[in-house]
Protein backbone atom coordinates (compact mmCIF):
# COMPACT_ATOMS: atom_id res chain seq x y z
CA MET A 1 -92.16 41.59 -71.69
CA ARG A 2 -89.84 44.26 -70.30
CA LEU A 3 -91.98 44.39 -67.13
CA THR A 4 -91.78 40.64 -66.64
CA ARG A 5 -87.97 40.60 -66.97
CA LYS A 6 -87.81 43.53 -64.53
CA ARG A 7 -89.93 41.59 -61.96
CA PHE A 8 -87.82 38.49 -62.38
CA CYS A 9 -84.60 40.41 -61.72
CA SER A 10 -86.13 41.96 -58.63
CA PHE A 11 -87.17 38.51 -57.37
CA LEU A 12 -83.59 37.24 -57.80
CA ILE A 13 -82.18 40.21 -55.88
CA ALA A 14 -84.64 39.74 -53.08
CA LEU A 15 -83.79 36.01 -52.88
CA TYR A 16 -80.13 36.77 -52.69
CA CYS A 17 -80.66 39.26 -49.87
CA LEU A 18 -82.67 36.78 -47.89
CA PHE A 19 -80.02 34.07 -48.39
CA SER A 20 -77.30 36.57 -47.21
CA LEU A 21 -79.29 37.42 -44.13
CA TYR A 22 -79.83 33.73 -43.28
CA ALA A 23 -76.14 33.04 -43.74
CA ALA A 24 -75.27 35.98 -41.47
CA TYR A 25 -77.66 34.62 -38.84
CA LEU A 26 -75.97 31.21 -38.92
CA VAL A 27 -72.51 32.78 -38.59
CA PHE A 28 -73.34 35.12 -35.68
CA PHE A 29 -76.14 33.19 -33.91
CA GLY A 30 -76.17 29.64 -35.08
CA ARG A 31 -72.44 28.94 -34.19
CA ARG A 32 -73.02 30.19 -30.59
CA SER A 33 -75.88 27.72 -30.12
CA ARG A 34 -73.54 24.83 -30.97
CA VAL A 35 -70.70 25.71 -28.70
CA PRO A 36 -71.58 23.40 -25.71
CA THR A 37 -71.88 20.30 -27.91
CA ALA A 38 -68.77 21.01 -29.98
CA THR A 39 -66.75 21.97 -26.99
CA SER A 40 -67.38 18.73 -25.28
CA ARG A 41 -66.26 16.98 -28.40
CA GLY A 42 -63.39 19.11 -29.45
CA LEU A 43 -61.66 20.51 -26.42
CA ARG A 44 -59.34 17.56 -25.59
CA LYS A 45 -55.76 17.64 -24.33
CA GLY A 46 -54.82 14.99 -26.92
CA ALA A 47 -56.21 17.01 -29.82
CA ALA A 48 -53.92 20.06 -29.47
CA PRO A 49 -50.68 18.32 -30.48
CA ALA A 50 -52.40 16.68 -33.49
CA ARG A 51 -53.60 20.11 -34.79
CA GLU A 52 -50.17 21.53 -34.43
CA ARG A 53 -48.90 18.80 -36.66
CA ARG A 54 -51.50 19.53 -39.29
CA GLY A 55 -50.56 23.07 -39.76
CA ARG A 56 -51.22 26.61 -38.54
CA GLU A 57 -54.13 27.25 -40.98
CA GLN A 58 -56.17 24.38 -39.67
CA SER A 59 -55.74 25.38 -35.97
CA THR A 60 -57.38 28.78 -36.70
CA LEU A 61 -60.73 27.06 -37.12
CA GLY A 62 -61.13 27.03 -33.28
CA SER A 63 -61.11 24.16 -30.88
CA GLU A 64 -64.90 23.90 -31.06
CA GLU A 65 -64.99 23.13 -34.79
CA TRP A 66 -65.64 19.58 -36.02
CA ASN A 67 -62.45 17.56 -36.31
CA PRO A 68 -62.49 15.00 -39.09
CA TRP A 69 -59.46 13.14 -37.60
CA GLU A 70 -60.98 13.02 -34.10
CA GLU A 71 -61.30 9.21 -33.98
CA ASP A 72 -57.77 8.73 -35.27
CA GLU A 73 -56.42 11.10 -32.64
CA LYS A 74 -58.40 9.43 -29.89
CA ASN A 75 -56.99 6.00 -30.89
CA GLU A 76 -53.52 7.45 -31.14
CA GLN A 77 -53.77 8.97 -27.71
CA GLN A 78 -55.07 5.70 -26.19
CA HIS A 79 -52.29 3.76 -27.84
CA ARG A 80 -49.70 6.22 -26.55
CA VAL A 81 -51.03 6.05 -22.98
CA LYS A 82 -51.05 2.17 -23.09
CA THR A 83 -47.50 2.14 -24.37
CA ASN A 84 -46.32 4.49 -21.74
CA LEU A 85 -47.93 2.44 -19.05
CA GLN A 86 -46.23 -0.70 -20.26
CA ILE A 87 -42.89 0.97 -20.31
CA LEU A 88 -43.53 2.39 -16.81
CA ASN A 89 -44.64 -1.04 -15.52
CA LYS A 90 -41.60 -2.68 -17.03
CA SER A 91 -39.19 -0.14 -15.48
CA THR A 92 -40.82 -0.15 -12.06
CA LYS A 93 -41.51 -3.78 -11.67
CA GLY A 94 -38.94 -4.69 -8.99
CA GLY A 95 -36.49 -2.37 -10.66
CA LYS A 96 -35.55 -5.23 -13.02
CA THR A 97 -34.59 -5.10 -16.71
CA ASP A 98 -33.61 -7.82 -19.20
CA PRO A 99 -30.23 -9.19 -18.10
CA HIS A 100 -27.13 -8.57 -20.21
CA VAL A 101 -24.03 -10.70 -20.50
CA GLN A 102 -20.85 -9.59 -22.32
CA ILE A 103 -18.38 -12.11 -23.66
CA TRP A 104 -14.76 -11.01 -23.82
CA GLY A 105 -13.11 -13.22 -26.42
CA LYS A 106 -9.40 -13.27 -25.54
CA ALA A 107 -8.75 -16.72 -27.07
CA ALA A 108 -9.45 -18.13 -30.41
CA ILE A 109 -11.85 -20.69 -28.84
CA GLY A 110 -14.10 -17.71 -28.30
CA LEU A 111 -14.88 -17.55 -32.03
CA TYR A 112 -16.13 -21.16 -31.90
CA LEU A 113 -18.40 -20.20 -28.97
CA TRP A 114 -19.83 -17.19 -30.66
CA GLU A 115 -19.94 -18.16 -34.46
CA HIS A 116 -20.67 -21.94 -34.09
CA ILE A 117 -22.46 -22.37 -30.82
CA PHE A 118 -24.39 -19.12 -30.70
CA GLU A 119 -24.43 -18.88 -34.49
CA GLY A 120 -23.82 -15.12 -34.07
CA LEU A 121 -22.31 -12.65 -36.55
CA LEU A 122 -19.36 -10.39 -36.06
CA ASP A 123 -18.88 -6.85 -37.37
CA PRO A 124 -16.60 -6.16 -39.18
CA THR A 125 -16.28 -9.57 -40.92
CA ASP A 126 -12.55 -8.96 -41.43
CA VAL A 127 -10.73 -11.44 -39.07
CA THR A 128 -7.71 -9.06 -38.85
CA ALA A 129 -9.78 -6.15 -37.50
CA GLN A 130 -8.57 -4.60 -34.26
CA TRP A 131 -12.16 -4.68 -32.77
CA ARG A 132 -15.06 -7.00 -33.71
CA GLU A 133 -18.38 -7.34 -31.99
CA GLY A 134 -21.71 -9.03 -32.25
CA LYS A 135 -25.08 -9.28 -30.43
CA SER A 136 -27.57 -12.04 -29.77
CA ILE A 137 -30.66 -12.61 -27.67
CA VAL A 138 -31.32 -15.91 -25.99
CA GLY A 139 -34.65 -15.92 -24.12
CA ASN A 140 -34.68 -12.63 -22.25
CA THR A 141 -31.00 -12.34 -21.98
CA HIS A 142 -28.98 -10.05 -24.23
CA TYR A 143 -25.54 -11.39 -25.10
CA SER A 144 -22.80 -9.28 -26.70
CA PHE A 145 -19.38 -10.51 -27.89
CA ILE A 146 -16.25 -8.49 -28.30
CA THR A 147 -12.82 -9.63 -29.55
CA GLY A 148 -9.64 -8.32 -31.24
CA PRO A 149 -6.22 -6.95 -30.32
CA SER A 150 -7.74 -3.69 -29.12
CA ILE A 151 -9.44 -5.44 -26.26
CA VAL A 152 -6.90 -4.91 -23.51
CA PRO A 153 -7.43 -4.48 -19.70
CA GLY A 154 -8.44 -0.98 -18.76
CA TYR A 155 -8.82 0.30 -22.39
CA PHE A 156 -12.32 -0.59 -23.31
CA PRO A 157 -15.82 0.12 -21.89
CA THR A 158 -16.76 -2.13 -18.99
CA ASP A 159 -20.34 -1.13 -18.30
CA VAL A 160 -21.75 -4.59 -17.75
CA SER A 161 -22.18 -6.55 -14.56
CA ASN A 162 -22.17 -10.09 -16.10
CA VAL A 163 -19.05 -11.18 -17.98
CA VAL A 164 -17.87 -14.36 -19.64
CA LEU A 165 -14.13 -14.27 -20.11
CA VAL A 166 -12.65 -16.53 -22.84
CA LEU A 167 -8.98 -17.28 -22.05
CA ASN A 168 -6.08 -19.43 -23.31
CA GLY A 169 -4.34 -21.44 -20.57
CA ARG A 170 -2.55 -23.95 -22.83
CA GLU A 171 1.08 -22.79 -22.15
CA LYS A 172 3.05 -20.69 -19.72
CA ALA A 173 3.04 -17.43 -21.75
CA LYS A 174 -0.69 -17.71 -22.32
CA ILE A 175 -1.31 -18.39 -18.66
CA SER A 176 0.47 -15.19 -17.74
CA HIS A 177 -1.72 -13.25 -20.08
CA ALA A 178 -4.83 -14.97 -18.78
CA THR A 179 -3.89 -14.18 -15.22
CA GLN A 180 -3.68 -10.51 -16.02
CA TRP A 181 -7.20 -10.54 -17.24
CA LEU A 182 -8.44 -12.31 -14.11
CA PHE A 183 -6.72 -9.76 -11.87
CA PHE A 184 -8.34 -7.03 -14.03
CA ALA A 185 -11.78 -8.61 -13.43
CA LYS A 186 -10.97 -8.71 -9.65
CA THR A 187 -10.28 -4.98 -9.72
CA LEU A 188 -13.67 -4.43 -11.51
CA LYS A 189 -15.29 -6.58 -8.85
CA LYS A 190 -13.90 -4.40 -6.05
CA THR A 191 -15.33 -1.27 -7.66
CA GLN A 192 -18.69 -2.99 -7.95
CA LYS A 193 -18.78 -2.59 -11.74
CA LEU A 194 -18.53 -6.35 -12.20
CA GLN A 195 -20.86 -8.60 -10.29
CA HIS A 196 -20.60 -12.03 -11.85
CA LEU A 197 -17.83 -13.80 -13.87
CA ALA A 198 -17.64 -17.12 -15.80
CA VAL A 199 -14.62 -18.33 -17.69
CA VAL A 200 -14.30 -20.41 -20.89
CA LEU A 201 -10.81 -21.82 -20.85
CA LEU A 202 -8.74 -23.45 -23.52
CA GLY A 203 -7.00 -25.76 -21.11
CA ASN A 204 -3.63 -27.42 -21.14
CA GLU A 205 -3.56 -30.65 -23.32
CA HIS A 206 -2.10 -32.54 -20.31
CA CYS A 207 -4.85 -30.98 -18.19
CA ASP A 208 -2.35 -29.10 -16.00
CA ASN A 209 -4.60 -26.23 -15.02
CA ASP A 210 -3.92 -25.82 -11.31
CA TRP A 211 -3.02 -22.10 -11.79
CA ILE A 212 -6.75 -21.19 -12.14
CA LEU A 213 -7.82 -22.88 -8.88
CA GLN A 214 -7.16 -19.79 -6.87
CA PHE A 215 -9.60 -17.83 -8.94
CA LEU A 216 -12.55 -20.20 -8.49
CA LYS A 217 -15.35 -19.07 -6.23
CA ARG A 218 -15.17 -22.31 -4.30
CA ASN A 219 -11.68 -21.29 -3.29
CA GLY A 220 -12.54 -17.62 -2.46
CA GLY A 221 -12.11 -16.33 -5.99
CA LEU A 222 -14.59 -14.59 -8.37
CA VAL A 223 -14.99 -17.21 -11.08
CA GLU A 224 -18.40 -18.73 -10.48
CA LEU A 225 -18.50 -21.05 -13.51
CA LEU A 226 -15.65 -22.68 -15.46
CA PHE A 227 -16.09 -24.25 -18.89
CA ILE A 228 -12.84 -26.09 -19.72
CA THR A 229 -11.63 -28.15 -22.67
CA TYR A 230 -10.34 -31.74 -22.63
CA ASP A 231 -11.32 -34.47 -20.09
CA SER A 232 -10.42 -32.63 -16.94
CA PRO A 233 -10.89 -34.69 -13.77
CA TRP A 234 -12.47 -31.55 -12.16
CA ILE A 235 -15.57 -31.67 -14.33
CA ASN A 236 -18.70 -32.03 -12.08
CA ASN A 237 -21.36 -30.32 -14.19
CA VAL A 238 -22.16 -28.03 -11.24
CA ASP A 239 -19.58 -25.24 -11.44
CA ILE A 240 -17.11 -26.92 -13.82
CA PHE A 241 -18.22 -28.12 -17.26
CA GLN A 242 -16.40 -29.72 -20.15
CA TRP A 243 -16.25 -27.58 -23.26
CA PRO A 244 -15.53 -28.66 -26.86
CA LEU A 245 -12.19 -27.83 -28.50
CA GLY A 246 -14.06 -26.76 -31.62
CA VAL A 247 -12.56 -25.86 -34.97
CA ALA A 248 -9.16 -24.33 -35.57
CA THR A 249 -8.67 -20.57 -36.11
CA TRP A 250 -7.26 -20.09 -39.63
CA GLN A 251 -3.77 -18.49 -39.22
CA PRO A 252 -2.67 -15.46 -41.23
CA ARG A 253 -0.04 -17.48 -43.04
CA GLU A 254 -2.77 -19.55 -44.58
CA THR A 255 -4.39 -18.43 -47.82
CA ASN A 256 -7.97 -18.51 -49.13
CA GLU A 257 -6.83 -21.19 -51.57
CA SER A 258 -5.38 -23.46 -48.92
CA LEU A 259 -8.51 -23.08 -46.83
CA LYS A 260 -10.76 -23.95 -49.80
CA ASN A 261 -8.63 -27.02 -50.67
CA TYR A 262 -8.99 -28.25 -47.05
CA GLN A 263 -12.68 -27.66 -46.99
CA ASP A 264 -13.15 -29.41 -50.39
CA ALA A 265 -11.22 -32.41 -49.09
CA LEU A 266 -13.52 -32.68 -46.02
CA LEU A 267 -16.62 -32.20 -48.33
CA HIS A 268 -15.61 -35.03 -50.68
CA SER A 269 -14.32 -37.46 -48.05
CA ASP A 270 -16.62 -40.07 -46.64
CA LEU A 271 -14.21 -40.61 -43.74
CA THR A 272 -11.68 -38.29 -42.04
CA LEU A 273 -8.87 -39.84 -40.04
CA CYS A 274 -8.27 -38.29 -36.62
CA PRO A 275 -5.10 -39.69 -34.98
CA VAL A 276 -4.20 -38.62 -31.47
CA GLY A 277 -1.78 -35.81 -30.86
CA VAL A 278 -0.74 -34.48 -27.51
CA ASN A 279 -4.44 -35.02 -26.60
CA THR A 280 -6.97 -37.36 -28.09
CA GLU A 281 -9.28 -34.48 -28.87
CA CYS A 282 -8.38 -32.40 -31.98
CA TYR A 283 -9.79 -29.68 -34.17
CA ARG A 284 -10.10 -32.04 -37.12
CA ILE A 285 -12.94 -33.94 -35.38
CA TYR A 286 -15.17 -30.88 -35.34
CA GLU A 287 -14.06 -29.70 -38.77
CA ALA A 288 -14.98 -33.10 -40.26
CA CYS A 289 -18.45 -32.87 -38.53
CA SER A 290 -19.01 -29.46 -40.06
CA TYR A 291 -18.87 -31.03 -43.55
CA GLY A 292 -20.51 -34.40 -42.84
CA SER A 293 -17.34 -36.47 -43.07
CA ILE A 294 -17.31 -39.34 -40.53
CA PRO A 295 -14.37 -38.90 -38.11
CA VAL A 296 -12.38 -42.09 -37.59
CA VAL A 297 -11.06 -41.36 -34.03
CA GLU A 298 -8.11 -43.03 -32.40
CA ASP A 299 -9.78 -43.73 -29.04
CA VAL A 300 -6.64 -43.88 -26.80
CA MET A 301 -6.02 -41.92 -23.58
CA THR A 302 -2.96 -39.77 -23.95
CA ALA A 303 -0.30 -39.00 -21.30
CA GLY A 304 -1.00 -36.38 -18.64
CA ARG A 305 -3.59 -35.73 -16.01
CA CYS A 306 -6.74 -35.84 -18.27
CA GLY A 307 -9.43 -38.39 -17.61
CA ASN A 308 -10.60 -40.05 -14.48
CA SER A 309 -11.77 -43.58 -14.98
CA SER A 310 -13.52 -43.67 -11.66
CA VAL A 311 -15.76 -40.76 -12.72
CA HIS A 312 -15.58 -40.50 -16.52
CA HIS A 313 -15.92 -44.06 -17.82
CA ASN A 314 -16.11 -42.83 -21.34
CA ALA A 315 -12.84 -40.84 -21.28
CA PRO A 316 -11.24 -39.83 -23.51
CA LEU A 317 -13.77 -37.69 -25.46
CA GLN A 318 -16.33 -37.88 -22.67
CA LEU A 319 -18.21 -34.90 -23.98
CA LEU A 320 -18.73 -36.41 -27.45
CA LYS A 321 -19.41 -39.98 -26.46
CA SER A 322 -21.97 -39.01 -23.79
CA ARG A 323 -23.96 -37.40 -26.62
CA GLY A 324 -23.83 -40.45 -28.90
CA ALA A 325 -21.33 -39.06 -31.44
CA PRO A 326 -21.84 -41.22 -34.60
CA PHE A 327 -18.06 -41.62 -35.12
CA ILE A 328 -15.93 -44.67 -35.88
CA PHE A 329 -13.75 -45.35 -32.73
CA ILE A 330 -10.71 -47.53 -33.05
CA LYS A 331 -8.05 -48.57 -30.55
CA ASN A 332 -5.35 -49.36 -33.13
CA TRP A 333 -4.80 -48.26 -36.67
CA LYS A 334 -4.42 -51.93 -37.63
CA GLU A 335 -8.20 -51.84 -37.63
CA LEU A 336 -8.30 -49.38 -40.47
CA PRO A 337 -8.03 -51.81 -43.47
CA ALA A 338 -11.11 -53.69 -42.38
CA ILE A 339 -13.00 -50.41 -42.06
CA LEU A 340 -11.97 -49.35 -45.64
CA GLU A 341 -13.02 -52.76 -47.00
CA LYS A 342 -16.42 -52.31 -45.37
CA GLU A 343 -16.72 -48.83 -46.92
CA LYS A 344 -16.56 -50.46 -50.36
CA THR A 345 -19.77 -52.37 -49.69
CA ILE A 346 -21.72 -49.28 -48.73
CA VAL A 347 -23.85 -47.87 -51.60
CA LEU A 348 -23.97 -44.15 -52.41
CA LYS A 349 -27.46 -43.74 -50.97
CA GLU A 350 -26.38 -45.04 -47.62
CA LYS A 351 -23.35 -42.82 -47.54
CA VAL A 352 -25.51 -39.81 -48.33
CA GLN A 353 -27.90 -40.71 -45.53
CA ARG A 354 -24.97 -41.27 -43.13
CA ARG A 355 -23.60 -37.84 -44.01
CA LYS A 356 -27.01 -36.21 -43.34
CA GLU A 357 -27.31 -37.93 -39.99
CA LEU A 358 -23.88 -36.70 -38.94
CA LEU A 359 -24.74 -33.11 -39.83
CA GLN A 360 -28.05 -33.36 -37.95
CA TRP A 361 -26.27 -34.83 -34.89
CA TYR A 362 -23.66 -32.11 -34.98
CA GLN A 363 -26.28 -29.33 -35.14
CA GLN A 364 -28.10 -30.89 -32.26
CA PHE A 365 -24.85 -31.17 -30.34
CA LYS A 366 -24.19 -27.44 -30.71
CA THR A 367 -27.82 -26.57 -29.82
CA GLU A 368 -27.61 -28.60 -26.66
CA LEU A 369 -24.26 -26.99 -25.64
CA LYS A 370 -25.73 -23.50 -26.17
CA THR A 371 -28.77 -24.35 -23.94
CA GLU A 372 -26.64 -25.91 -21.25
CA PHE A 373 -24.20 -22.92 -21.37
CA THR A 374 -27.00 -20.29 -21.18
CA ASP A 375 -28.89 -22.23 -18.54
CA ALA A 376 -25.83 -22.52 -16.29
CA LEU A 377 -25.26 -18.83 -16.54
CA GLU A 378 -28.90 -18.04 -15.76
CA SER A 379 -29.13 -20.40 -12.81
CA SER A 380 -25.70 -19.30 -11.39
CA PHE A 381 -26.04 -15.49 -11.44
CA LEU A 382 -28.62 -14.06 -13.76
CA MET A 383 -31.73 -15.02 -11.87
CA ASN A 384 -30.80 -12.91 -8.82
CA ASN A 385 -28.64 -10.40 -10.48
CA LYS A 386 -28.66 -6.89 -9.01
CA ARG A 387 -29.08 -4.07 -11.45
């Protein structure tokens, strides 16, 4: 029994020695025989950075060792090369990049352009902030909007070549301020920082806007496109376009309560009366549309130089009429009692449907204006813009 146990132990020791010798052979001779195959699979430029990311202890295995993440690294490398090629092709393709347009909002009508037409946001949301800005992309064009008291000539970054300047030209003091901005733009043009300029102008209510003629490109100036409010006789839809007056900017003296009361009145009114003022077009028309209340508009041409019956047969309110505005137009307020009597016969369902149709029309109106505005900019100077 003792002899059998002794032989069994000797057998185990001999077996252990043989296994150790075999293991040593694999380490010193077997590894060397696998070098060519492993090297062709493991020595890759893309693998080195990946091993460094996985830690120092793993890199000590040697470049010829099997890499369990090899396929992932290979895919990662291919993706990185493809991405770099795309970036390179984009940057070298004619030296072109996506065009950028910056809008300088130096009149309250700029807020209507950005917040209502572009449906853009502003940061910060506080309307009293010294500097507010927003960004939007239309097609391939990047638009940015800046406004606020801190935006003054010569004291803000001007690193864009395409600018839309929003100005107030309604009265003498505003015209003086607007002129300063146009001369500032002219200076930027001379230094080649500014290449193209368009203007959105809150025009005079009598359409007395001759002061801006000298700045138009057609007259040797730098303003390539002019978007102007009211029924100006200059409108040709080539380089001068009619622009909507839009909604009013709430003044600081107003309160949140007074604003809410006004909005509630519009929301709960089937009709909103819009009598003429200095001009037929007024803010109330667009504010009523925003809440689905049908504007009852006094369709009368006011005094001044607005309108041109030989060209704009629908004046006043050519811009709205040409797009089929679903308003109630009257020539005299003596027509109002008959309109109100008719309202009594309209059932609630029909009134709700009419409100929906007005909201849909107004949304389409703004969408069309945005498209026409951006298309005009693109066709005028973005297509061949030098970067």
